Protein backbone atom coordinates (compact mmCIF):
# COMPACT_ATOMS: atom_id res chain seq x y z
CA PHE A 1 52.80 63.42 142.26
CA TYR A 2 52.55 64.46 145.87
CA THR A 3 50.72 67.09 147.85
CA GLU A 4 51.92 69.01 150.85
CA TYR A 5 49.93 66.63 153.08
CA ASP A 6 51.51 63.37 151.84
CA TYR A 7 54.32 63.45 154.29
CA LEU A 8 52.46 64.38 157.43
CA ASP A 9 50.12 61.95 159.17
CA GLU A 10 48.45 64.80 161.03
CA GLY A 11 47.99 66.61 157.71
CA ARG A 12 46.22 63.65 156.17
CA VAL A 13 43.88 63.31 159.13
CA GLN A 14 43.12 67.06 159.04
CA VAL A 15 42.51 67.00 155.29
CA LEU A 16 40.30 63.95 155.58
CA SER A 17 38.36 65.48 158.45
CA THR A 18 37.83 68.75 156.64
CA ASN A 19 36.79 67.11 153.38
CA LEU A 20 34.39 64.70 155.04
CA SER A 21 32.70 67.40 157.09
CA ARG A 22 32.44 70.02 154.30
CA PRO A 23 29.29 68.52 152.61
CA PHE A 24 27.46 68.63 155.95
CA LYS A 25 28.59 72.21 156.59
CA LEU A 26 27.37 73.26 153.16
CA LEU A 27 24.05 71.50 153.69
CA ALA A 28 23.61 73.17 157.07
CA THR A 29 24.65 76.70 156.05
CA GLN A 30 23.77 77.14 152.35
CA PRO A 31 20.06 77.60 151.63
CA ILE A 32 20.52 76.91 147.87
CA ILE A 33 22.15 73.58 148.67
CA GLN A 34 19.26 72.76 150.98
CA VAL A 35 16.63 73.55 148.35
CA LEU A 36 18.46 71.75 145.59
CA ALA A 37 19.06 68.73 147.86
CA LEU A 38 15.35 68.56 148.61
CA TYR A 39 14.49 68.84 144.90
CA ASN A 40 17.01 66.11 144.03
CA ALA A 41 15.58 63.94 146.83
CA TYR A 42 12.13 64.43 145.30
CA LEU A 43 13.41 63.46 141.85
CA TYR A 44 15.29 60.41 143.09
CA GLY A 45 12.33 59.37 145.21
CA ASN A 46 10.00 59.46 142.20
CA ILE A 47 12.53 57.61 140.05
CA TYR A 48 12.98 54.97 142.75
CA ILE A 49 9.20 54.46 143.05
CA LEU A 50 9.02 54.08 139.28
CA TYR A 51 11.85 51.55 139.23
CA ALA A 52 10.47 49.58 142.15
CA ASP A 53 6.99 49.23 140.65
CA PHE A 54 7.88 49.22 136.96
CA ILE A 55 8.16 45.46 136.44
CA ASN A 56 4.93 44.80 138.38
CA LEU A 57 2.98 46.88 135.88
CA TRP A 58 4.08 44.70 132.99
CA ILE A 59 3.65 41.40 134.79
CA ASP A 60 0.47 42.01 136.77
CA VAL A 61 -1.46 44.49 134.56
CA TYR A 62 -0.25 43.61 131.08
CA GLY A 63 0.34 39.91 131.74
CA GLU A 64 3.80 39.80 130.22
CA SER A 65 6.40 37.22 131.17
CA ILE A 66 9.27 38.50 133.25
CA GLN A 67 11.66 38.21 130.30
CA ILE A 68 9.43 40.33 128.05
CA ALA A 69 8.58 42.73 130.90
CA GLY A 70 12.29 43.38 131.37
CA LEU A 71 12.49 44.74 127.82
CA ASN A 72 10.34 47.70 128.91
CA TYR A 73 13.36 49.07 130.74
CA ILE A 74 14.58 50.13 127.29
CA SER A 75 12.18 53.08 127.59
CA ILE A 76 14.13 54.27 130.65
CA ALA A 77 17.40 53.94 128.74
CA ILE A 78 16.01 55.84 125.77
CA GLY A 79 14.69 58.69 127.99
CA SER A 80 18.05 58.84 129.79
CA ALA A 81 20.09 58.88 126.59
CA ILE A 82 17.95 61.56 124.96
CA ALA A 83 18.12 63.72 128.06
CA ALA A 84 21.84 63.27 128.55
CA GLU A 85 22.62 64.25 124.98
CA CYS A 86 20.04 66.96 124.42
CA CYS A 87 20.18 68.55 127.86
CA THR A 88 23.94 69.06 127.85
CA ILE A 89 23.96 70.51 124.34
CA ILE A 90 20.97 72.80 124.97
CA ASN A 91 22.21 73.76 128.42
CA ASP A 92 25.58 74.85 126.96
CA ARG A 93 23.88 76.81 124.18
CA ILE A 94 21.63 78.59 126.66
CA TYR A 95 24.64 79.36 128.86
CA ARG A 96 26.61 80.85 125.94
CA THR A 97 23.62 82.84 124.67
CA ILE A 98 22.81 84.39 128.04
CA SER A 99 26.51 84.98 128.75
CA LYS A 100 26.80 86.96 125.47
CA ARG A 101 23.83 89.09 126.50
CA ASN A 102 25.55 89.67 129.83
CA GLY A 103 28.62 91.17 128.22
CA GLY A 104 30.42 87.87 127.85
CA LYS A 105 30.35 87.16 131.56
CA GLY A 106 28.80 83.87 132.68
CA ALA A 107 26.99 83.15 135.92
CA PRO A 108 25.88 79.87 137.52
CA GLU A 109 22.25 80.94 137.24
CA PHE A 110 22.53 80.64 133.47
CA ARG A 111 22.44 76.83 133.91
CA ILE A 112 18.95 76.88 135.41
CA PRO A 113 16.58 77.92 132.51
CA ILE A 114 16.34 74.39 131.12
CA MET A 115 14.71 73.26 134.38
CA LEU A 116 11.39 74.91 133.47
CA PRO A 117 10.62 72.74 130.42
CA ALA A 118 12.29 69.77 132.08
CA THR A 119 9.98 70.07 135.10
CA PHE A 120 7.05 70.19 132.69
CA PHE A 121 8.28 67.00 130.99
CA LEU A 122 8.75 65.41 134.40
CA SER A 123 5.13 66.10 135.40
CA ALA A 124 3.67 65.30 132.00
CA GLY A 125 5.63 62.04 131.73
CA MET A 126 4.54 60.85 135.17
CA PHE A 127 0.89 61.72 134.40
CA TRP A 128 1.12 60.00 131.02
CA TYR A 129 2.65 56.86 132.57
CA GLY A 130 0.12 56.68 135.42
CA TRP A 131 -2.95 57.39 133.33
CA THR A 132 -2.09 55.02 130.49
CA ALA A 133 -1.13 52.23 132.91
CA GLU A 134 -4.43 52.65 134.79
CA GLU A 135 -6.46 52.58 131.61
CA LYS A 136 -4.55 49.53 130.37
CA MET A 137 -3.81 51.20 127.02
CA HIS A 138 -1.38 49.73 124.47
CA TRP A 139 1.92 48.75 126.07
CA ILE A 140 3.88 51.44 124.28
CA MET A 141 1.94 54.27 125.95
CA PRO A 142 3.31 53.79 129.52
CA ASN A 143 6.75 53.36 127.96
CA ILE A 144 6.46 56.71 126.22
CA GLY A 145 5.36 58.31 129.50
CA THR A 146 8.25 56.65 131.30
CA ALA A 147 10.76 57.94 128.74
CA ILE A 148 9.41 61.47 129.01
CA PHE A 149 9.45 61.36 132.82
CA VAL A 150 12.99 59.99 133.04
CA ALA A 151 14.20 62.57 130.46
CA GLY A 152 12.68 65.38 132.48
CA ALA A 153 14.12 64.10 135.77
CA LEU A 154 17.61 63.61 134.31
CA ALA A 155 17.54 67.05 132.64
CA CYS A 156 16.67 68.64 136.00
CA THR A 157 19.45 66.68 137.68
CA ILE A 158 21.99 67.71 135.04
CA SER A 159 20.97 71.35 135.36
CA ILE A 160 21.20 71.28 139.18
CA ASN A 161 24.59 69.61 139.09
CA ALA A 162 25.94 72.12 136.55
CA TYR A 163 24.65 74.98 138.69
CA VAL A 164 26.33 73.61 141.84
CA ILE A 165 29.59 72.96 139.96
CA ASP A 166 29.63 76.53 138.60
CA THR A 167 28.70 78.03 141.94
CA TYR A 168 31.08 76.16 144.26
CA GLY A 169 34.04 75.56 141.91
CA GLN A 170 36.76 73.84 143.92
CA TYR A 171 34.25 72.63 146.49
CA SER A 172 31.64 71.47 143.98
CA ALA A 173 32.09 67.82 144.91
CA SER A 174 31.16 68.69 148.48
CA GLY A 175 28.16 70.68 147.23
CA LEU A 176 27.00 67.75 145.12
CA ALA A 177 27.52 65.33 148.00
């Protein structure tokens, strides 16, 4: 399997240059990519803060050993698994339903409606986690909040990625980058 650029060194350099610069051009010229990149940065920033401080909550506040505290990461895995399965199924159903109403023609915007409840779960989960951790409630309560938060964040990310893929087609990898 070869492409038209495999035999030309100049062609490879040109293709590489074009493909490496395209994500920056999209970020600089496409307002929707800018907004979605900022939102994704916000989501990833919150997730990173949660991950960075997560183990400290269990060791310092709840007095668990590091081995037992590590088990609390299961709540993150559960939230991720639920979101990955449910979000993709629900997102596809919503897309098909709205497409039928639109005369059988789909649009990238039909991937976005799931973000509204997902953003609610994101906020509710972070509030639940923070409040229950501060009040030193039973150890399962911050885990439930974490699972809800992670599920909301992942559902938003899945929705954004599906929208960018539908919008930019062949160049979706550059849009996601």
